[in-house]
Amino acid sequence: MSSGTKYLIVVAGPTAVGKTSLAIELAKHYRAEIISADSRQFYREMNIGTAKPSDAELAEVLHHFINNISIHTKNYSAGKYEHEVIEFLDEYFKSKDIAVLVGGSGLFINAVCSGFDNFENTDFKQQLTARTFLNGKDLSWLQQELERTDPEYYAEVDKKNPVRLIRALEVIFTTGKKYSEQRIGKKAERNFTPIKIGLNLERETLYQRINQRVDNMMNAGLLEEAKELYTFKKLHTLNTVGYTELFDYIEDKLTLEQAIELIKQNTRNYAKRQLTWFKKDKGIFWYGPEEKEEIIKYIDATIE
């Protein structure tokens, strides 16, 4: 252990691109541990549909923030995640110099590397009332209301993500001020230096991998997992690709073939949105998943 700079190697990119495999290789190479930044892998009850590392992969390197909460956990946010990860890293870096953060949830990666926006304190009951009200609204209503109340943030937000829309509207409703006006816009101080690696593939190849992954999930029992979770389908955590489509099949709204094709399509669309998010970060250096040696050379040069 040295007393010098601590480093957080970040492995980001779209779903199915090969982040898990690379993160494990890097962690083994640098004798580091892995922190998951995949917001769906936190949940113990969601396994096949979230593409968690296999038992064999989990045994290769110590992983953190996988299976750490239940789908019944309320109000687990990027801000809460940031607090827990920073607290973990403060202790971790007392004995190690390098950690690996891996995932496709850009908001959670940003929360760890740069800090999360802190908004004016509001009355908890008022906040809960606003959240309950907004959870009852459909996507179209949320989009129109955010465009009306905060056109600046509406112009940049992922308009198909109800979680982001609800979060912004909740802040607006409970503070009386625009969400865009309250964002900190500056990085929090950290006791580590992030080294950001982005993985990407040619679109056709990535889409083939996504389609194959969905087929593999179905063969591994994703439908059975969805049936086990169907009772809890109204939980916000289960309003996610791979489960909502199968819930519609269970309710005879889709055939199984239609549901599978829709999972593939929605996952491809999700990958597009992930890439759009990560491409905005000029601090990410991009590689193909097979370029492990080049990635290690870049990291070594940065650390030296």
Protein backbone atom coordinates (compact mmCIF):
# COMPACT_ATOMS: atom_id res chain seq x y z
CA MET A 1 0.00 0.00 0.00
CA SER A 2 1.24 3.49 -0.84
CA SER A 3 0.27 6.76 0.75
CA GLY A 4 -0.14 8.45 -2.63
CA THR A 5 -3.11 9.04 -4.91
CA LYS A 6 -5.99 6.61 -4.84
CA TYR A 7 -7.63 5.62 -8.12
CA LEU A 8 -11.14 4.56 -9.08
CA ILE A 9 -11.15 2.73 -12.40
CA VAL A 10 -14.59 3.24 -13.97
CA VAL A 11 -15.80 0.75 -16.59
CA ALA A 12 -18.87 2.16 -18.35
CA GLY A 13 -20.82 1.51 -21.53
CA PRO A 14 -24.03 0.05 -22.91
CA THR A 15 -25.63 -3.17 -21.78
CA ALA A 16 -24.18 -6.46 -23.11
CA VAL A 17 -20.94 -4.84 -24.29
CA GLY A 18 -18.71 -6.86 -21.93
CA LYS A 19 -18.21 -4.59 -18.90
CA THR A 20 -18.40 -7.37 -16.30
CA SER A 21 -15.67 -9.45 -17.91
CA LEU A 22 -13.31 -6.50 -18.31
CA ALA A 23 -13.93 -5.26 -14.76
CA ILE A 24 -13.02 -8.66 -13.36
CA GLU A 25 -9.82 -8.79 -15.43
CA LEU A 26 -8.83 -5.29 -14.31
CA ALA A 27 -9.64 -6.02 -10.66
CA LYS A 28 -7.51 -9.15 -10.75
CA HIS A 29 -4.67 -7.33 -12.49
CA TYR A 30 -4.64 -4.46 -9.98
CA ARG A 31 -5.61 -6.58 -6.97
CA ALA A 32 -8.70 -4.47 -6.53
CA GLU A 33 -12.32 -5.04 -5.54
CA ILE A 34 -15.38 -4.25 -7.64
CA ILE A 35 -18.26 -1.89 -6.91
CA SER A 36 -21.38 -2.30 -9.03
CA ALA A 37 -22.92 0.81 -10.56
CA ASP A 38 -25.80 -1.06 -12.15
CA SER A 39 -28.96 0.20 -10.46
CA ARG A 40 -30.86 -3.02 -11.21
CA GLN A 41 -28.25 -5.38 -9.78
CA PHE A 42 -28.72 -3.91 -6.30
CA TYR A 43 -31.94 -5.88 -5.88
CA ARG A 44 -31.73 -9.37 -4.42
CA GLU A 45 -34.92 -10.67 -6.02
CA MET A 46 -34.02 -9.67 -9.59
CA ASN A 47 -31.34 -11.99 -10.92
CA ILE A 48 -31.68 -13.34 -14.45
CA GLY A 49 -33.27 -10.21 -15.91
CA THR A 50 -30.55 -7.92 -14.56
CA ALA A 51 -27.61 -9.87 -15.99
CA LYS A 52 -25.81 -10.09 -12.67
CA PRO A 53 -22.36 -11.64 -12.65
CA SER A 54 -22.51 -15.41 -12.36
CA ASP A 55 -21.61 -17.20 -9.15
CA ALA A 56 -18.28 -18.12 -10.75
CA GLU A 57 -17.58 -14.49 -11.65
CA LEU A 58 -18.55 -13.29 -8.18
CA ALA A 59 -16.12 -15.84 -6.74
CA GLU A 60 -13.21 -14.52 -8.83
CA VAL A 61 -13.20 -11.03 -7.32
CA LEU A 62 -14.90 -9.52 -4.29
CA HIS A 63 -17.96 -7.52 -5.45
CA HIS A 64 -19.90 -4.86 -3.57
CA PHE A 65 -23.36 -3.32 -4.09
CA ILE A 66 -24.84 -6.41 -5.70
CA ASN A 67 -27.81 -8.00 -3.91
CA ASN A 68 -27.49 -5.34 -1.22
CA ILE A 69 -31.15 -4.27 -1.03
CA SER A 70 -34.65 -5.67 -1.60
CA ILE A 71 -37.19 -4.64 -4.24
CA HIS A 72 -39.31 -3.57 -1.25
CA THR A 73 -36.71 -1.00 -0.15
CA LYS A 74 -38.22 2.45 -0.44
CA ASN A 75 -36.54 5.61 -1.70
CA TYR A 76 -33.16 4.13 -2.66
CA SER A 77 -31.78 6.94 -4.79
CA ALA A 78 -28.56 7.94 -6.53
CA GLY A 79 -27.95 10.28 -3.61
CA LYS A 80 -28.26 7.43 -1.11
CA TYR A 81 -26.01 5.26 -3.28
CA GLU A 82 -23.41 8.04 -3.47
CA HIS A 83 -23.34 8.36 0.31
CA GLU A 84 -22.94 4.61 0.85
CA VAL A 85 -20.25 4.15 -1.83
CA ILE A 86 -18.19 7.14 -0.67
CA GLU A 87 -18.41 5.87 2.91
CA PHE A 88 -17.25 2.44 1.69
CA LEU A 89 -14.37 3.92 -0.34
CA ASP A 90 -13.17 6.06 2.56
CA GLU A 91 -12.56 2.86 4.50
CA TYR A 92 -11.42 0.81 1.49
CA PHE A 93 -8.68 3.26 0.49
CA LYS A 94 -7.06 2.96 3.92
CA SER A 95 -5.63 -0.38 2.80
CA LYS A 96 -5.84 -0.35 -1.01
CA ASP A 97 -4.89 2.10 -3.76
CA ILE A 98 -7.23 1.05 -6.59
CA ALA A 99 -10.92 0.15 -6.83
CA VAL A 100 -13.04 -0.72 -9.88
CA LEU A 101 -16.50 0.77 -10.44
CA VAL A 102 -18.50 -0.93 -13.19
CA GLY A 103 -21.96 -0.45 -14.61
CA GLY A 104 -24.25 1.13 -17.14
CA SER A 105 -26.17 3.48 -14.86
CA GLY A 106 -24.67 6.84 -15.75
CA LEU A 107 -26.48 8.75 -13.01
CA PHE A 108 -25.02 6.48 -10.32
CA ILE A 109 -21.50 6.64 -11.80
CA ASN A 110 -21.69 10.43 -11.87
CA ALA A 111 -22.93 10.48 -8.29
CA VAL A 112 -19.80 8.64 -7.12
CA CYS A 113 -17.29 10.50 -9.31
CA SER A 114 -18.67 14.02 -9.20
CA GLY A 115 -21.31 14.24 -6.46
CA PHE A 116 -25.08 14.38 -6.60
CA ASP A 117 -27.23 17.47 -6.62
CA ASN A 118 -28.41 18.63 -3.21
CA PHE A 119 -31.72 20.44 -3.22
CA GLU A 120 -33.40 22.69 -0.71
CA ASN A 121 -34.78 20.80 2.27
CA THR A 122 -38.53 20.31 2.16
CA ASP A 123 -41.14 18.96 4.48
CA PHE A 124 -41.10 15.14 4.26
CA LYS A 125 -44.90 14.88 4.25
CA GLN A 126 -45.09 17.37 1.40
CA GLN A 127 -42.45 15.40 -0.47
CA LEU A 128 -44.32 12.12 0.05
CA THR A 129 -47.59 13.70 -1.10
CA ALA A 130 -45.94 14.97 -4.28
CA ARG A 131 -44.33 11.60 -4.99
CA THR A 132 -47.59 9.70 -4.48
CA PHE A 133 -49.39 12.12 -6.79
CA LEU A 134 -46.72 11.87 -9.51
CA ASN A 135 -46.49 8.07 -9.33
CA GLY A 136 -50.13 7.99 -10.38
CA LYS A 137 -49.47 9.90 -13.62
CA ASP A 138 -48.62 8.39 -16.99
CA LEU A 139 -45.49 9.18 -19.00
CA SER A 140 -47.22 11.64 -21.34
CA TRP A 141 -48.56 13.73 -18.44
CA LEU A 142 -45.14 13.79 -16.76
CA GLN A 143 -43.48 14.93 -19.98
CA GLN A 144 -45.96 17.74 -20.57
CA GLU A 145 -45.83 18.95 -16.97
CA LEU A 146 -42.03 19.05 -16.89
CA GLU A 147 -41.93 20.88 -20.23
CA ARG A 148 -44.36 23.44 -18.79
CA THR A 149 -42.62 23.94 -15.44
CA ASP A 150 -38.94 23.59 -16.40
CA PRO A 151 -38.32 23.74 -20.17
CA GLU A 152 -34.55 24.02 -19.62
CA TYR A 153 -34.26 20.67 -17.86
CA TYR A 154 -36.90 19.14 -20.16
CA ALA A 155 -34.61 19.88 -23.12
CA GLU A 156 -31.85 17.63 -21.75
CA VAL A 157 -33.60 14.94 -19.71
CA ASP A 158 -34.27 11.41 -20.97
CA LYS A 159 -37.95 12.00 -21.72
CA LYS A 160 -38.77 8.29 -21.72
CA ASN A 161 -37.46 7.74 -18.19
CA PRO A 162 -40.31 8.29 -15.70
CA VAL A 163 -37.92 8.10 -12.73
CA ARG A 164 -36.01 11.20 -13.89
CA LEU A 165 -39.22 13.05 -14.76
CA ILE A 166 -40.81 12.30 -11.39
CA ARG A 167 -37.65 13.26 -9.51
CA ALA A 168 -37.49 16.66 -11.23
CA LEU A 169 -41.20 17.36 -10.77
CA GLU A 170 -41.06 16.32 -7.12
CA VAL A 171 -38.33 18.91 -6.51
CA ILE A 172 -40.28 21.55 -8.43
CA PHE A 173 -43.53 20.85 -6.59
CA THR A 174 -41.97 20.84 -3.12
CA THR A 175 -39.60 23.81 -3.50
CA GLY A 176 -41.50 26.01 -5.92
CA LYS A 177 -38.32 26.44 -7.97
CA LYS A 178 -37.11 24.94 -11.23
CA TYR A 179 -35.09 21.75 -10.97
CA SER A 180 -32.55 23.17 -13.43
CA GLU A 181 -31.94 26.20 -11.20
CA GLN A 182 -31.11 24.10 -8.14
CA ARG A 183 -28.56 21.70 -9.56
CA ILE A 184 -25.12 22.23 -8.09
CA GLY A 185 -23.31 22.30 -11.42
CA LYS A 186 -19.94 21.65 -9.77
CA LYS A 187 -17.98 18.57 -8.78
CA ALA A 188 -17.77 17.42 -5.20
CA GLU A 189 -14.32 16.96 -3.72
CA ARG A 190 -13.13 13.37 -3.77
CA ASN A 191 -10.12 11.66 -2.19
CA PHE A 192 -9.57 9.59 -5.33
CA THR A 193 -8.92 10.15 -9.02
CA PRO A 194 -11.36 8.52 -11.47
CA ILE A 195 -9.94 6.81 -14.56
CA LYS A 196 -12.88 6.37 -16.93
CA ILE A 197 -12.94 3.58 -19.51
CA GLY A 198 -15.83 3.32 -21.96
CA LEU A 199 -16.58 0.13 -23.86
CA ASN A 200 -18.38 0.10 -27.18
CA LEU A 201 -18.90 -2.06 -30.25
CA GLU A 202 -20.16 -1.59 -33.78
CA ARG A 203 -23.92 -1.13 -33.56
CA GLU A 204 -24.77 -4.34 -35.45
CA THR A 205 -22.45 -6.41 -33.27
CA LEU A 206 -23.80 -4.84 -30.07
CA TYR A 207 -27.39 -5.48 -31.12
CA GLN A 208 -26.56 -9.10 -31.94
CA ARG A 209 -25.09 -9.50 -28.46
CA ILE A 210 -28.17 -7.92 -26.90
CA ASN A 211 -30.49 -10.25 -28.81
CA GLN A 212 -28.39 -13.27 -27.85
CA ARG A 213 -28.32 -12.20 -24.21
CA VAL A 214 -32.12 -12.00 -24.14
CA ASP A 215 -32.35 -15.49 -25.64
CA ASN A 216 -29.89 -16.73 -23.01
CA MET A 217 -31.94 -15.13 -20.25
CA MET A 218 -35.09 -16.82 -21.47
CA ASN A 219 -33.29 -20.16 -21.59
CA ALA A 220 -32.00 -19.54 -18.05
CA GLY A 221 -35.53 -19.09 -16.69
CA LEU A 222 -36.41 -15.39 -17.00
CA LEU A 223 -40.09 -16.18 -17.54
CA GLU A 224 -40.21 -18.24 -14.34
CA GLU A 225 -38.48 -15.41 -12.47
CA ALA A 226 -41.02 -12.92 -13.82
CA LYS A 227 -43.88 -15.18 -12.70
CA GLU A 228 -42.43 -15.30 -9.19
CA LEU A 229 -42.23 -11.50 -9.10
CA TYR A 230 -45.58 -10.85 -10.78
CA THR A 231 -47.36 -10.28 -7.45
CA PHE A 232 -45.14 -7.24 -6.93
CA LYS A 233 -45.43 -5.89 -10.49
CA LYS A 234 -46.66 -2.48 -9.29
CA LEU A 235 -43.41 -1.82 -7.43
CA HIS A 236 -41.38 0.90 -9.09
CA THR A 237 -38.27 -1.31 -9.11
CA LEU A 238 -40.00 -3.86 -11.35
CA ASN A 239 -41.02 -1.27 -13.94
CA THR A 240 -38.01 -2.21 -16.03
CA VAL A 241 -37.07 -3.91 -19.29
CA GLY A 242 -37.27 -7.68 -19.21
CA TYR A 243 -39.99 -7.81 -16.58
CA THR A 244 -42.71 -5.43 -17.79
CA GLU A 245 -42.90 -7.19 -21.15
CA LEU A 246 -43.26 -10.61 -19.52
CA PHE A 247 -45.86 -9.24 -17.10
CA ASP A 248 -47.86 -8.25 -20.20
CA TYR A 249 -47.47 -11.81 -21.51
CA ILE A 250 -48.67 -13.21 -18.19
CA GLU A 251 -51.74 -10.96 -18.50
CA ASP A 252 -52.35 -12.19 -22.09
CA LYS A 253 -51.61 -8.78 -23.56
CA LEU A 254 -48.79 -10.21 -25.67
CA THR A 255 -47.77 -13.58 -27.02
CA LEU A 256 -44.50 -14.94 -25.63
CA GLU A 257 -42.82 -14.34 -28.98
CA GLN A 258 -44.01 -10.72 -28.99
CA ALA A 259 -42.81 -10.20 -25.43
CA ILE A 260 -39.33 -11.57 -26.24
CA GLU A 261 -39.01 -9.39 -29.34
CA LEU A 262 -40.14 -6.38 -27.32
CA ILE A 263 -37.53 -7.09 -24.64
CA LYS A 264 -34.87 -7.12 -27.36
CA GLN A 265 -36.15 -3.91 -28.91
CA ASN A 266 -36.45 -2.09 -25.59
CA THR A 267 -32.99 -3.27 -24.53
CA ARG A 268 -31.51 -1.98 -27.79
CA ASN A 269 -33.23 1.36 -27.20
CA TYR A 270 -31.87 1.41 -23.65
CA ALA A 271 -28.35 0.80 -24.99
CA LYS A 272 -28.76 3.80 -27.31
CA ARG A 273 -29.74 6.01 -24.38
CA GLN A 274 -26.79 4.75 -22.33
CA LEU A 275 -24.37 5.64 -25.12
CA THR A 276 -25.94 9.08 -25.52
CA TRP A 277 -25.40 9.70 -21.81
CA PHE A 278 -21.81 8.44 -21.67
CA LYS A 279 -20.73 10.17 -24.90
CA LYS A 280 -21.40 13.51 -23.18
CA ASP A 281 -18.62 12.75 -20.70
CA LYS A 282 -15.41 13.92 -22.36
CA GLY A 283 -13.39 12.30 -19.57
CA ILE A 284 -14.21 8.79 -20.84
CA PHE A 285 -11.66 7.07 -23.08
CA TRP A 286 -13.28 4.55 -25.42
CA TYR A 287 -12.12 1.06 -26.33
CA GLY A 288 -13.45 -2.18 -27.68
CA PRO A 289 -14.05 -4.90 -25.06
CA GLU A 290 -11.25 -7.01 -26.57
CA GLU A 291 -8.61 -4.25 -26.13
CA LYS A 292 -7.63 -5.27 -22.61
CA GLU A 293 -3.89 -4.79 -23.10
CA GLU A 294 -4.37 -1.27 -24.52
CA ILE A 295 -6.66 -0.39 -21.63
CA ILE A 296 -4.12 -1.56 -19.05
CA LYS A 297 -1.39 0.46 -20.81
CA TYR A 298 -3.57 3.56 -20.63
CA ILE A 299 -4.36 3.00 -16.94
CA ASP A 300 -0.70 2.33 -16.10
CA ALA A 301 0.35 5.52 -17.89
CA THR A 302 -2.28 7.51 -15.99
CA ILE A 303 -1.26 6.08 -12.62
CA GLU A 304 2.46 6.70 -13.23
